[in-house]
Amino acid sequence: MSETLTASRAATLLACQRKHYYRYELGLASTAGNAALRFGSAWHRGMEKYAVNEPFEAALEYALTVKSGEEPIDEVESAKLYAMLKAYYEFYGENVNKVYPECQFVTSIRGSRTFQSAGKIDGLIMGESVGLLEHKTTSESVAADSDYWLRLRWNYQLLTYVDACEDAGHHIDYILYDVVRKPTIAPKNVPTIDEYGKKIVLDSDGNRVFKKDGEPRESGDTAKGYTVCTHIEFAEEYCQRLYDDIKERPEFYFARKEVPFFAEDLQNFREQRLQIGRLILMCRASEKKCSEPAAAWIRNCSDLICRTCEYQSFCLRNETATPDNLPEGFKLVAPNQELERL
């Protein structure tokens, strides 16, 4: 039976071999889950409904649906999803393309007797020409002059999808990237307002301060000990502020762009994928020569890699993890959960 080599697995190996070992060889995952992945999964579910012109309300409900084995997003993330999805629907309007969303595939890898390729294509655009639709969320600028777009020409994940389509007899003419920038706005402290829309100011004894005319005071005074009451924005307040910001500058958050690919890109990708498979097999064979299996997989201890790595809590301390000795807060799971996430 062939092993599955997904785009996520290949990207993990290229980033850090040790991370690949823990996730795909050992099947180790944090019991706390990954908030960014949960939000990304919810966004993709919303896009799945948008692709077939379901209304916003149906897309939101489906996006917030918790799949088996998945943790729900929290109240703040739900508010963020609401604001972004509502603004997205209003900005782009009805989807005019004929899109087949969430196309799952499993295909052989020519030249490999060990691995097969598998994944989920966000969408196939069918018309006079055939395109691949890819939804992405990013923390980077999505401006037209951003080098974010330059790096997308060599996107391992999308070339995996192009290869799978070509293997199934569907020639891909173009790739359409539908990119959403993650908000930099987070809940903040705001003045607490009473039922009449007035700010609440308290003195040092905790009593509300009023002016001589009986109207509530709405400004603080350090010398007198007057303090304006504040609170962290409620989810509804945060949602509205984010929605207003997206509506004011949608080009900061939303971008669509066709990115070309070339025959030589696909050929180079196929050669690199075979090399990735060989690297996995080589590291496995080296386990027998090392003091422990993990030592055969080289760690990439860079700030960019370790900062977001779920294994850093024990890996950077050089602590070991085995099926019989799991670090606290971790469990064993199926290695290719990304195929079940959506």
C-alpha atoms as a PDB file:
ATOM      1  CA  MET A   1       0.000   0.000   0.000  1.00  0.00           C
ATOM      2  CA  SER A   2       1.405   3.420  -1.015  1.00  0.00           C
ATOM      3  CA  GLU A   3       2.121   6.156   1.480  1.00  0.00           C
ATOM      4  CA  THR A   4       0.549   9.562   0.992  1.00  0.00           C
ATOM      5  CA  LEU A   5       2.812  12.472   0.168  1.00  0.00           C
ATOM      6  CA  THR A   6       0.725  15.650   0.442  1.00  0.00           C
ATOM      7  CA  ALA A   7       1.830  19.177  -0.305  1.00  0.00           C
ATOM      8  CA  SER A   8       1.665  19.943   3.426  1.00  0.00           C
ATOM      9  CA  ARG A   9       3.914  17.017   4.197  1.00  0.00           C
ATOM     10  CA  ALA A  10       6.467  18.063   1.589  1.00  0.00           C
ATOM     11  CA  ALA A  11       6.441  21.664   2.859  1.00  0.00           C
ATOM     12  CA  THR A  12       6.976  20.463   6.432  1.00  0.00           C
ATOM     13  CA  LEU A  13       9.959  18.324   5.417  1.00  0.00           C
ATOM     14  CA  LEU A  14      11.548  21.191   3.494  1.00  0.00           C
ATOM     15  CA  ALA A  15      11.082  23.522   6.474  1.00  0.00           C
ATOM     16  CA  CYS A  16      12.427  21.148   9.153  1.00  0.00           C
ATOM     17  CA  GLN A  17      13.103  17.426   8.968  1.00  0.00           C
ATOM     18  CA  ARG A  18      12.595  17.007  12.722  1.00  0.00           C
ATOM     19  CA  LYS A  19       9.173  18.641  12.512  1.00  0.00           C
ATOM     20  CA  HIS A  20       8.305  16.234   9.696  1.00  0.00           C
ATOM     21  CA  TYR A  21       9.377  13.315  11.864  1.00  0.00           C
ATOM     22  CA  TYR A  22       7.126  14.313  14.747  1.00  0.00           C
ATOM     23  CA  ARG A  23       4.109  15.091  12.598  1.00  0.00           C
ATOM     24  CA  TYR A  24       4.237  12.499   9.822  1.00  0.00           C
ATOM     25  CA  GLU A  25       6.445   9.682  11.060  1.00  0.00           C
ATOM     26  CA  LEU A  26       5.348   9.698  14.699  1.00  0.00           C
ATOM     27  CA  GLY A  27       1.892  11.286  14.190  1.00  0.00           C
ATOM     28  CA  LEU A  28       2.306  13.689  17.105  1.00  0.00           C
ATOM     29  CA  ALA A  29      -0.122  16.609  17.556  1.00  0.00           C
ATOM     30  CA  SER A  30      -0.872  19.125  20.280  1.00  0.00           C
ATOM     31  CA  THR A  31      -4.074  18.484  22.205  1.00  0.00           C
ATOM     32  CA  ALA A  32      -4.681  22.257  22.144  1.00  0.00           C
ATOM     33  CA  GLY A  33      -4.852  22.264  18.353  1.00  0.00           C
ATOM     34  CA  ASN A  34      -3.841  25.144  16.112  1.00  0.00           C
ATOM     35  CA  ALA A  35      -5.967  28.307  16.133  1.00  0.00           C
ATOM     36  CA  ALA A  36      -4.669  29.500  12.756  1.00  0.00           C
ATOM     37  CA  LEU A  37      -5.539  26.195  11.103  1.00  0.00           C
ATOM     38  CA  ARG A  38      -8.992  26.207  12.702  1.00  0.00           C
ATOM     39  CA  PHE A  39      -9.716  29.671  11.322  1.00  0.00           C
ATOM     40  CA  GLY A  40      -8.320  28.722   7.918  1.00  0.00           C
ATOM     41  CA  SER A  41     -10.560  25.664   7.828  1.00  0.00           C
ATOM     42  CA  ALA A  42     -13.597  27.766   8.723  1.00  0.00           C
ATOM     43  CA  TRP A  43     -12.768  30.293   6.006  1.00  0.00           C
ATOM     44  CA  HIS A  44     -12.413  27.552   3.389  1.00  0.00           C
ATOM     45  CA  ARG A  45     -15.819  26.152   4.363  1.00  0.00           C
ATOM     46  CA  GLY A  46     -17.315  29.599   3.838  1.00  0.00           C
ATOM     47  CA  MET A  47     -15.634  29.822   0.436  1.00  0.00           C
ATOM     48  CA  GLU A  48     -17.029  26.417  -0.472  1.00  0.00           C
ATOM     49  CA  LYS A  49     -20.558  27.812  -0.127  1.00  0.00           C
ATOM     50  CA  TYR A  50     -19.681  31.053  -1.897  1.00  0.00           C
ATOM     51  CA  ALA A  51     -18.373  29.039  -4.856  1.00  0.00           C
ATOM     52  CA  VAL A  52     -21.858  27.625  -5.505  1.00  0.00           C
ATOM     53  CA  ASN A  53     -23.605  30.950  -4.752  1.00  0.00           C
ATOM     54  CA  GLU A  54     -25.078  29.989  -1.394  1.00  0.00           C
ATOM     55  CA  PRO A  55     -26.161  33.131   0.535  1.00  0.00           C
ATOM     56  CA  PHE A  56     -23.958  34.687   3.198  1.00  0.00           C
ATOM     57  CA  GLU A  57     -26.049  33.290   6.070  1.00  0.00           C
ATOM     58  CA  ALA A  58     -25.675  29.710   4.786  1.00  0.00           C
ATOM     59  CA  ALA A  59     -21.942  30.191   4.242  1.00  0.00           C
ATOM     60  CA  LEU A  60     -21.463  31.564   7.762  1.00  0.00           C
ATOM     61  CA  GLU A  61     -23.435  28.725   9.334  1.00  0.00           C
ATOM     62  CA  TYR A  62     -21.438  26.115   7.435  1.00  0.00           C
ATOM     63  CA  ALA A  63     -18.137  27.871   8.165  1.00  0.00           C
ATOM     64  CA  LEU A  64     -18.857  27.717  11.904  1.00  0.00           C
ATOM     65  CA  THR A  65     -19.778  24.031  11.753  1.00  0.00           C
ATOM     66  CA  VAL A  66     -17.388  21.994  13.868  1.00  0.00           C
ATOM     67  CA  LYS A  67     -16.096  18.936  12.060  1.00  0.00           C
ATOM     68  CA  SER A  68     -15.330  15.646  13.794  1.00  0.00           C
ATOM     69  CA  GLY A  69     -12.111  15.892  15.787  1.00  0.00           C
ATOM     70  CA  GLU A  70     -11.903  19.666  15.317  1.00  0.00           C
ATOM     71  CA  GLU A  71     -12.012  22.328  18.027  1.00  0.00           C
ATOM     72  CA  PRO A  72     -14.388  25.265  17.441  1.00  0.00           C
ATOM     73  CA  ILE A  73     -12.978  28.737  16.895  1.00  0.00           C
ATOM     74  CA  ASP A  74     -13.427  31.063  19.851  1.00  0.00           C
ATOM     75  CA  GLU A  75     -15.776  34.035  20.162  1.00  0.00           C
ATOM     76  CA  VAL A  76     -13.262  36.577  18.866  1.00  0.00           C
ATOM     77  CA  GLU A  77     -12.323  34.410  15.882  1.00  0.00           C
ATOM     78  CA  SER A  78     -16.022  33.898  15.154  1.00  0.00           C
ATOM     79  CA  ALA A  79     -16.516  37.678  15.164  1.00  0.00           C
ATOM     80  CA  LYS A  80     -13.540  38.046  12.819  1.00  0.00           C
ATOM     81  CA  LEU A  81     -14.974  35.409  10.493  1.00  0.00           C
ATOM     82  CA  TYR A  82     -18.372  37.131  10.435  1.00  0.00           C
ATOM     83  CA  ALA A  83     -16.900  40.536   9.563  1.00  0.00           C
ATOM     84  CA  MET A  84     -14.544  39.215   6.895  1.00  0.00           C
ATOM     85  CA  LEU A  85     -17.042  36.884   5.245  1.00  0.00           C
ATOM     86  CA  LYS A  86     -19.821  39.496   5.170  1.00  0.00           C
ATOM     87  CA  ALA A  87     -17.494  42.110   3.676  1.00  0.00           C
ATOM     88  CA  TYR A  88     -16.183  39.541   1.156  1.00  0.00           C
ATOM     89  CA  TYR A  89     -19.696  38.759  -0.064  1.00  0.00           C
ATOM     90  CA  GLU A  90     -20.502  42.452  -0.405  1.00  0.00           C
ATOM     91  CA  PHE A  91     -17.222  43.278  -2.153  1.00  0.00           C
ATOM     92  CA  TYR A  92     -17.262  40.515  -4.768  1.00  0.00           C
ATOM     93  CA  GLY A  93     -20.991  39.945  -5.123  1.00  0.00           C
ATOM     94  CA  GLU A  94     -22.319  36.907  -6.942  1.00  0.00           C
ATOM     95  CA  ASN A  95     -19.794  34.334  -8.104  1.00  0.00           C
ATOM     96  CA  VAL A  96     -19.942  34.402 -11.897  1.00  0.00           C
ATOM     97  CA  ASN A  97     -17.699  31.382 -12.485  1.00  0.00           C
ATOM     98  CA  LYS A  98     -18.831  27.769 -12.688  1.00  0.00           C
ATOM     99  CA  VAL A  99     -16.834  26.316  -9.833  1.00  0.00           C
ATOM    100  CA  TYR A 100     -16.615  22.753  -8.548  1.00  0.00           C
ATOM    101  CA  PRO A 101     -15.366  23.170  -4.970  1.00  0.00           C
ATOM    102  CA  GLU A 102     -13.338  20.822  -2.771  1.00  0.00           C
ATOM    103  CA  CYS A 103     -12.205  18.284  -5.370  1.00  0.00           C
ATOM    104  CA  GLN A 104     -10.335  15.518  -3.591  1.00  0.00           C
ATOM    105  CA  PHE A 105      -7.828  13.393  -5.481  1.00  0.00           C
ATOM    106  CA  VAL A 106      -5.469  10.464  -5.024  1.00  0.00           C
ATOM    107  CA  THR A 107      -3.018   9.730  -7.805  1.00  0.00           C
ATOM    108  CA  SER A 108       0.183   7.795  -8.293  1.00  0.00           C
ATOM    109  CA  ILE A 109       3.574   9.498  -8.470  1.00  0.00           C
ATOM    110  CA  ARG A 110       5.435   8.480 -11.577  1.00  0.00           C
ATOM    111  CA  GLY A 111       8.866   7.153 -10.680  1.00  0.00           C
ATOM    112  CA  SER A 112       8.006   6.302  -7.063  1.00  0.00           C
ATOM    113  CA  ARG A 113       7.146   2.854  -5.763  1.00  0.00           C
ATOM    114  CA  THR A 114       6.541   4.126  -2.224  1.00  0.00           C
ATOM    115  CA  PHE A 115       4.464   7.290  -2.399  1.00  0.00           C
ATOM    116  CA  GLN A 116       1.205   8.469  -3.890  1.00  0.00           C
ATOM    117  CA  SER A 117      -0.069  12.038  -4.130  1.00  0.00           C
ATOM    118  CA  ALA A 118      -3.295  13.197  -2.453  1.00  0.00           C
ATOM    119  CA  GLY A 119      -5.014  16.439  -1.604  1.00  0.00           C
ATOM    120  CA  LYS A 120      -8.058  18.679  -1.951  1.00  0.00           C
ATOM    121  CA  ILE A 121      -8.329  21.291  -4.667  1.00  0.00           C
ATOM    122  CA  ASP A 122     -10.173  24.399  -3.459  1.00  0.00           C
ATOM    123  CA  GLY A 123     -11.996  24.698  -6.756  1.00  0.00           C
ATOM    124  CA  LEU A 124     -11.987  23.857 -10.449  1.00  0.00           C
ATOM    125  CA  ILE A 125     -13.234  26.681 -12.670  1.00  0.00           C
ATOM    126  CA  MET A 126     -14.904  25.234 -15.749  1.00  0.00           C
ATOM    127  CA  GLY A 127     -15.591  27.313 -18.840  1.00  0.00           C
ATOM    128  CA  GLU A 128     -13.999  27.931 -22.207  1.00  0.00           C
ATOM    129  CA  SER A 129     -10.753  27.377 -20.355  1.00  0.00           C
ATOM    130  CA  VAL A 130     -10.080  25.384 -17.166  1.00  0.00           C
ATOM    131  CA  GLY A 131      -8.616  27.069 -14.121  1.00  0.00           C
ATOM    132  CA  LEU A 132      -7.565  26.136 -10.625  1.00  0.00           C
ATOM    133  CA  LEU A 133      -9.041  28.264  -7.833  1.00  0.00           C
ATOM    134  CA  GLU A 134      -6.973  28.602  -4.700  1.00  0.00           C
ATOM    135  CA  HIS A 135      -8.146  30.400  -1.549  1.00  0.00           C
ATOM    136  CA  LYS A 136      -5.402  31.687   0.716  1.00  0.00           C
ATOM    137  CA  THR A 137      -5.201  33.678   3.917  1.00  0.00           C
ATOM    138  CA  THR A 138      -1.967  35.515   4.614  1.00  0.00           C
ATOM    139  CA  SER A 139      -0.375  37.969   7.033  1.00  0.00           C
ATOM    140  CA  GLU A 140       1.566  39.568   4.179  1.00  0.00           C
ATOM    141  CA  SER A 141       0.626  42.490   1.966  1.00  0.00           C
ATOM    142  CA  VAL A 142      -1.599  41.555  -0.956  1.00  0.00           C
ATOM    143  CA  ALA A 143      -0.850  44.758  -2.878  1.00  0.00           C
ATOM    144  CA  ALA A 144      -0.155  44.318  -6.584  1.00  0.00           C
ATOM    145  CA  ASP A 145       3.550  45.155  -6.144  1.00  0.00           C
ATOM    146  CA  SER A 146       4.062  42.778  -3.217  1.00  0.00           C
ATOM    147  CA  ASP A 147       6.633  40.013  -3.766  1.00  0.00           C
ATOM    148  CA  TYR A 148       3.999  37.675  -2.280  1.00  0.00           C
ATOM    149  CA  TRP A 149       2.713  37.194  -5.833  1.00  0.00           C
ATOM    150  CA  LEU A 150       6.164  36.459  -7.238  1.00  0.00           C
ATOM    151  CA  ARG A 151       6.621  33.539  -4.859  1.00  0.00           C
ATOM    152  CA  LEU A 152       3.328  31.990  -5.934  1.00  0.00           C
ATOM    153  CA  ARG A 153       4.727  30.984  -9.314  1.00  0.00           C
ATOM    154  CA  TRP A 154       6.638  28.228  -7.560  1.00  0.00           C
ATOM    155  CA  ASN A 155       3.944  27.012  -5.210  1.00  0.00           C
ATOM    156  CA  TYR A 156       4.412  23.357  -4.385  1.00  0.00           C
ATOM    157  CA  GLN A 157       0.794  22.892  -3.351  1.00  0.00           C
ATOM    158  CA  LEU A 158      -0.680  24.312  -6.554  1.00  0.00           C
ATOM    159  CA  LEU A 159       1.762  22.438  -8.762  1.00  0.00           C
ATOM    160  CA  THR A 160       0.637  19.284  -6.948  1.00  0.00           C
ATOM    161  CA  TYR A 161      -2.910  20.122  -7.997  1.00  0.00           C
ATOM    162  CA  VAL A 162      -1.917  20.917 -11.586  1.00  0.00           C
ATOM    163  CA  ASP A 163      -0.092  17.596 -11.789  1.00  0.00           C
ATOM    164  CA  ALA A 164      -3.133  15.722 -10.436  1.00  0.00           C
ATOM    165  CA  CYS A 165      -5.447  17.398 -12.956  1.00  0.00           C
ATOM    166  CA  GLU A 166      -3.106  16.718 -15.848  1.00  0.00           C
ATOM    167  CA  ASP A 167      -2.858  13.112 -14.706  1.00  0.00           C
ATOM    168  CA  ALA A 168      -6.677  12.891 -14.809  1.00  0.00           C
ATOM    169  CA  GLY A 169      -6.763  14.335 -18.319  1.00  0.00           C
ATOM    170  CA  HIS A 170      -7.737  17.933 -17.418  1.00  0.00           C
ATOM    171  CA  HIS A 171      -5.362  20.506 -18.874  1.00  0.00           C
ATOM    172  CA  ILE A 172      -5.100  23.540 -16.595  1.00  0.00           C
ATOM    173  CA  ASP A 173      -4.917  26.874 -18.405  1.00  0.00           C
ATOM    174  CA  TYR A 174      -4.465  29.190 -15.428  1.00  0.00           C
ATOM    175  CA  ILE A 175      -4.411  29.485 -11.631  1.00  0.00           C
ATOM    176  CA  LEU A 176      -6.623  32.059  -9.925  1.00  0.00           C
ATOM    177  CA  TYR A 177      -5.480  33.030  -6.446  1.00  0.00           C
ATOM    178  CA  ASP A 178      -8.186  34.452  -4.203  1.00  0.00           C
ATOM    179  CA  VAL A 179      -6.246  35.933  -1.296  1.00  0.00           C
ATOM    180  CA  VAL A 180      -7.504  37.426   1.963  1.00  0.00           C
ATOM    181  CA  ARG A 181      -5.201  39.306   4.280  1.00  0.00           C
ATOM    182  CA  LYS A 182      -5.599  38.443   7.935  1.00  0.00           C
ATOM    183  CA  PRO A 183      -6.702  41.426  10.033  1.00  0.00           C
ATOM    184  CA  THR A 184      -4.086  43.239  12.058  1.00  0.00           C
ATOM    185  CA  ILE A 185      -6.909  44.684  14.154  1.00  0.00           C
ATOM    186  CA  ALA A 186      -7.445  42.953  17.503  1.00  0.00           C
ATOM    187  CA  PRO A 187      -9.926  43.653  20.308  1.00  0.00           C
ATOM    188  CA  LYS A 188      -8.870  46.752  22.253  1.00  0.00           C
ATOM    189  CA  ASN A 189      -9.831  48.697  25.360  1.00  0.00           C
ATOM    190  CA  VAL A 190     -12.813  50.976  24.763  1.00  0.00           C
ATOM    191  CA  PRO A 191     -14.819  53.282  27.065  1.00  0.00           C
ATOM    192  CA  THR A 192     -17.745  51.680  28.852  1.00  0.00           C
ATOM    193  CA  ILE A 193     -20.998  53.342  27.803  1.00  0.00           C
ATOM    194  CA  ASP A 194     -24.236  53.560  29.784  1.00  0.00           C
ATOM    195  CA  GLU A 195     -27.721  53.014  28.376  1.00  0.00           C
ATOM    196  CA  TYR A 196     -27.843  56.653  27.195  1.00  0.00           C
ATOM    197  CA  GLY A 197     -24.591  56.460  25.255  1.00  0.00           C
ATOM    198  CA  LYS A 198     -22.555  58.334  27.882  1.00  0.00           C
ATOM    199  CA  LYS A 199     -19.078  57.344  29.041  1.00  0.00           C
ATOM    200  CA  ILE A 200     -18.868  56.242  32.677  1.00  0.00           C
ATOM    201  CA  VAL A 201     -16.349  58.078  34.878  1.00  0.00           C
ATOM    202  CA  LEU A 202     -15.655  56.943  38.460  1.00  0.00           C
ATOM    203  CA  ASP A 203     -13.889  58.675  41.325  1.00  0.00           C
ATOM    204  CA  SER A 204     -11.286  57.061  43.566  1.00  0.00           C
ATOM    205  CA  ASP A 205     -14.048  55.620  45.763  1.00  0.00           C
ATOM    206  CA  GLY A 206     -15.751  53.944  42.807  1.00  0.00           C
ATOM    207  CA  ASN A 207     -18.652  56.375  42.602  1.00  0.00           C
ATOM    208  CA  ARG A 208     -19.846  57.765  39.304  1.00  0.00           C
ATOM    209  CA  VAL A 209     -18.910  61.412  38.738  1.00  0.00           C
ATOM    210  CA  PHE A 210     -21.496  63.968  37.625  1.00  0.00           C
ATOM    211  CA  LYS A 211     -21.096  67.608  36.585  1.00  0.00           C
ATOM    212  CA  LYS A 212     -22.786  70.483  38.404  1.00  0.00           C
ATOM    213  CA  ASP A 213     -25.699  70.430  35.948  1.00  0.00           C
ATOM    214  CA  GLY A 214     -26.328  66.779  36.757  1.00  0.00           C
ATOM    215  CA  GLU A 215     -24.986  65.450  33.474  1.00  0.00           C
ATOM    216  CA  PRO A 216     -22.519  62.550  33.698  1.00  0.00           C
ATOM    217  CA  ARG A 217     -18.866  63.545  33.388  1.00  0.00           C
ATOM    218  CA  GLU A 218     -17.225  61.863  30.389  1.00  0.00           C
ATOM    219  CA  SER A 219     -13.520  62.711  30.812  1.00  0.00           C
ATOM    220  CA  GLY A 220     -10.968  61.563  33.353  1.00  0.00           C
ATOM    221  CA  ASP A 221      -8.803  63.698  35.633  1.00  0.00           C
ATOM    222  CA  THR A 222      -5.731  62.113  37.176  1.00  0.00           C
ATOM    223  CA  ALA A 223      -5.275  64.862  39.759  1.00  0.00           C
ATOM    224  CA  LYS A 224      -8.829  64.398  41.031  1.00  0.00           C
ATOM    225  CA  GLY A 225      -8.725  60.613  40.779  1.00  0.00           C
ATOM    226  CA  TYR A 226     -11.353  60.470  38.032  1.00  0.00           C
ATOM    227  CA  THR A 227     -11.038  57.485  35.718  1.00  0.00           C
ATOM    228  CA  VAL A 228     -12.935  56.636  32.557  1.00  0.00           C
ATOM    229  CA  CYS A 229     -14.218  53.074  32.804  1.00  0.00           C
ATOM    230  CA  THR A 230     -13.030  50.837  29.980  1.00  0.00           C
ATOM    231  CA  HIS A 231     -13.394  47.246  28.907  1.00  0.00           C
ATOM    232  CA  ILE A 232     -11.969  44.970  26.247  1.00  0.00           C
ATOM    233  CA  GLU A 233     -14.277  45.159  23.243  1.00  0.00           C
ATOM    234  CA  PHE A 234     -17.119  42.688  23.249  1.00  0.00           C
ATOM    235  CA  ALA A 235     -17.193  40.363  20.269  1.00  0.00           C
ATOM    236  CA  GLU A 236     -19.993  42.387  18.668  1.00  0.00           C
ATOM    237  CA  GLU A 237     -18.068  45.661  19.046  1.00  0.00           C
ATOM    238  CA  TYR A 238     -14.897  44.155  17.617  1.00  0.00           C
ATOM    239  CA  CYS A 239     -16.842  42.618  14.738  1.00  0.00           C
ATOM    240  CA  GLN A 240     -18.391  45.954  13.791  1.00  0.00           C
ATOM    241  CA  ARG A 241     -15.083  47.849  13.962  1.00  0.00           C
ATOM    242  CA  LEU A 242     -13.340  45.262  11.798  1.00  0.00           C
ATOM    243  CA  TYR A 243     -16.212  45.172   9.314  1.00  0.00           C
ATOM    244  CA  ASP A 244     -16.134  48.981   9.031  1.00  0.00           C
ATOM    245  CA  ASP A 245     -12.388  48.939   8.411  1.00  0.00           C
ATOM    246  CA  ILE A 246     -12.690  46.293   5.670  1.00  0.00           C
ATOM    247  CA  LYS A 247     -15.473  48.255   3.984  1.00  0.00           C
ATOM    248  CA  GLU A 248     -13.359  51.412   4.102  1.00  0.00           C
ATOM    249  CA  ARG A 249     -10.278  49.826   2.511  1.00  0.00           C
ATOM    250  CA  PRO A 250     -11.220  46.488   0.911  1.00  0.00           C
ATOM    251  CA  GLU A 251      -8.110  46.466  -1.292  1.00  0.00           C
ATOM    252  CA  PHE A 252      -6.025  46.066   1.885  1.00  0.00           C
ATOM    253  CA  TYR A 253      -7.804  42.806   2.677  1.00  0.00           C
ATOM    254  CA  PHE A 254      -8.938  41.274  -0.626  1.00  0.00           C
ATOM    255  CA  ALA A 255      -7.074  40.498  -3.848  1.00  0.00           C
ATOM    256  CA  ARG A 256      -7.560  38.188  -6.806  1.00  0.00           C
ATOM    257  CA  LYS A 257      -4.917  37.537  -9.381  1.00  0.00           C
ATOM    258  CA  GLU A 258      -4.109  35.033 -12.087  1.00  0.00           C
ATOM    259  CA  VAL A 259      -0.601  33.658 -11.680  1.00  0.00           C
ATOM    260  CA  PRO A 260       0.978  31.870 -14.639  1.00  0.00           C
ATOM    261  CA  PHE A 261       2.794  28.591 -14.567  1.00  0.00           C
ATOM    262  CA  PHE A 262       4.922  27.015 -17.240  1.00  0.00           C
ATOM    263  CA  ALA A 263       5.656  23.516 -18.504  1.00  0.00           C
ATOM    264  CA  GLU A 264       9.186  23.672 -17.115  1.00  0.00           C
ATOM    265  CA  ASP A 265       7.760  24.573 -13.686  1.00  0.00           C
ATOM    266  CA  LEU A 266       5.711  21.399 -13.688  1.00  0.00           C
ATOM    267  CA  GLN A 267       8.647  19.275 -14.815  1.00  0.00           C
ATOM    268  CA  ASN A 268      10.906  20.774 -12.131  1.00  0.00           C
ATOM    269  CA  PHE A 269       8.199  20.149  -9.553  1.00  0.00           C
ATOM    270  CA  ARG A 270       7.904  16.471 -10.502  1.00  0.00           C
ATOM    271  CA  GLU A 271      11.656  16.016 -10.199  1.00  0.00           C
ATOM    272  CA  GLN A 272      11.728  17.766  -6.823  1.00  0.00           C
ATOM    273  CA  ARG A 273       8.834  15.668  -5.502  1.00  0.00           C
ATOM    274  CA  LEU A 274      10.749  12.481  -6.311  1.00  0.00           C
ATOM    275  CA  GLN A 275      13.757  13.873  -4.462  1.00  0.00           C
ATOM    276  CA  ILE A 276      11.580  14.666  -1.438  1.00  0.00           C
ATOM    277  CA  GLY A 277      10.347  11.067  -1.364  1.00  0.00           C
ATOM    278  CA  ARG A 278      13.924   9.785  -1.578  1.00  0.00           C
ATOM    279  CA  LEU A 279      14.955  12.103   1.259  1.00  0.00           C
ATOM    280  CA  ILE A 280      12.213  10.670   3.490  1.00  0.00           C
ATOM    281  CA  LEU A 281      13.393   7.118   2.760  1.00  0.00           C
ATOM    282  CA  MET A 282      17.024   8.076   3.354  1.00  0.00           C
ATOM    283  CA  CYS A 283      16.244   9.611   6.754  1.00  0.00           C
ATOM    284  CA  ARG A 284      14.293   6.505   7.749  1.00  0.00           C
ATOM    285  CA  ALA A 285      17.171   4.244   6.772  1.00  0.00           C
ATOM    286  CA  SER A 286      19.505   6.393   8.876  1.00  0.00           C
ATOM    287  CA  GLU A 287      17.414   5.908  12.024  1.00  0.00           C
ATOM    288  CA  LYS A 288      19.091   2.538  12.668  1.00  0.00           C
ATOM    289  CA  LYS A 289      22.507   4.212  12.765  1.00  0.00           C
ATOM    290  CA  CYS A 290      21.501   6.899  15.255  1.00  0.00           C
ATOM    291  CA  SER A 291      21.123   6.898  19.039  1.00  0.00           C
ATOM    292  CA  GLU A 292      17.387   7.473  18.621  1.00  0.00           C
ATOM    293  CA  PRO A 293      15.090   7.653  15.569  1.00  0.00           C
ATOM    294  CA  ALA A 294      14.522  11.410  15.843  1.00  0.00           C
ATOM    295  CA  ALA A 295      18.260  12.067  15.526  1.00  0.00           C
ATOM    296  CA  ALA A 296      18.154  10.968  11.883  1.00  0.00           C
ATOM    297  CA  TRP A 297      15.954  13.948  11.081  1.00  0.00           C
ATOM    298  CA  ILE A 298      17.870  17.248  11.078  1.00  0.00           C
ATOM    299  CA  ARG A 299      16.478  20.141  13.101  1.00  0.00           C
ATOM    300  CA  ASN A 300      16.215  23.581  11.516  1.00  0.00           C
ATOM    301  CA  CYS A 301      16.434  25.802  14.580  1.00  0.00           C
ATOM    302  CA  SER A 302      15.690  29.157  12.993  1.00  0.00           C
ATOM    303  CA  ASP A 303      13.468  31.845  14.418  1.00  0.00           C
ATOM    304  CA  LEU A 304      11.093  31.695  11.457  1.00  0.00           C
ATOM    305  CA  ILE A 305      10.577  27.945  11.821  1.00  0.00           C
ATOM    306  CA  CYS A 306      10.595  27.517  15.592  1.00  0.00           C
ATOM    307  CA  ARG A 307       8.431  30.529  16.418  1.00  0.00           C
ATOM    308  CA  THR A 308       5.266  28.854  15.130  1.00  0.00           C
ATOM    309  CA  CYS A 309       6.243  25.208  15.643  1.00  0.00           C
ATOM    310  CA  GLU A 310       3.966  23.245  17.954  1.00  0.00           C
ATOM    311  CA  TYR A 311       6.882  21.014  19.016  1.00  0.00           C
ATOM    312  CA  GLN A 312       9.268  23.728  20.221  1.00  0.00           C
ATOM    313  CA  SER A 313       8.289  23.281  23.894  1.00  0.00           C
ATOM    314  CA  PHE A 314      10.174  19.987  24.089  1.00  0.00           C
ATOM    315  CA  CYS A 315      12.232  19.880  20.886  1.00  0.00           C
ATOM    316  CA  LEU A 316      14.370  22.916  21.762  1.00  0.00           C
ATOM    317  CA  ARG A 317      15.094  21.325  25.147  1.00  0.00           C
ATOM    318  CA  ASN A 318      16.390  18.259  23.314  1.00  0.00           C
ATOM    319  CA  GLU A 319      13.742  16.116  24.990  1.00  0.00           C
ATOM    320  CA  THR A 320      12.646  13.010  23.143  1.00  0.00           C
ATOM    321  CA  ALA A 321       9.167  11.902  22.173  1.00  0.00           C
ATOM    322  CA  THR A 322       8.180   8.310  21.510  1.00  0.00           C
ATOM    323  CA  PRO A 323       4.807   6.541  21.203  1.00  0.00           C
ATOM    324  CA  ASP A 324       5.316   5.264  24.755  1.00  0.00           C
ATOM    325  CA  ASN A 325       6.597   8.551  26.153  1.00  0.00           C
ATOM    326  CA  LEU A 326       4.535  11.438  24.813  1.00  0.00           C
ATOM    327  CA  PRO A 327       5.267  14.989  25.994  1.00  0.00           C
ATOM    328  CA  GLU A 328       2.570  16.559  28.141  1.00  0.00           C
ATOM    329  CA  GLY A 329      -0.146  18.124  26.026  1.00  0.00           C
ATOM    330  CA  PHE A 330       0.381  15.909  22.983  1.00  0.00           C
ATOM    331  CA  LYS A 331      -1.379  12.945  21.435  1.00  0.00           C
ATOM    332  CA  LEU A 332      -0.991  10.575  18.494  1.00  0.00           C
ATOM    333  CA  VAL A 333      -3.190  11.236  15.451  1.00  0.00           C
ATOM    334  CA  ALA A 334      -3.460  10.235  11.806  1.00  0.00           C
ATOM    335  CA  PRO A 335      -0.560  11.961  10.014  1.00  0.00           C
ATOM    336  CA  ASN A 336      -2.514  13.504   7.114  1.00  0.00           C
ATOM    337  CA  GLN A 337      -5.270  15.321   8.971  1.00  0.00           C
ATOM    338  CA  GLU A 338      -5.321  18.102   6.369  1.00  0.00           C
ATOM    339  CA  LEU A 339      -7.213  15.703   4.075  1.00  0.00           C
ATOM    340  CA  GLU A 340     -10.010  15.471   6.643  1.00  0.00           C
ATOM    341  CA  ARG A 341     -10.059  19.063   7.838  1.00  0.00           C
ATOM    342  CA  LEU A 342     -12.532  20.481   5.337  1.00  0.00           C
END
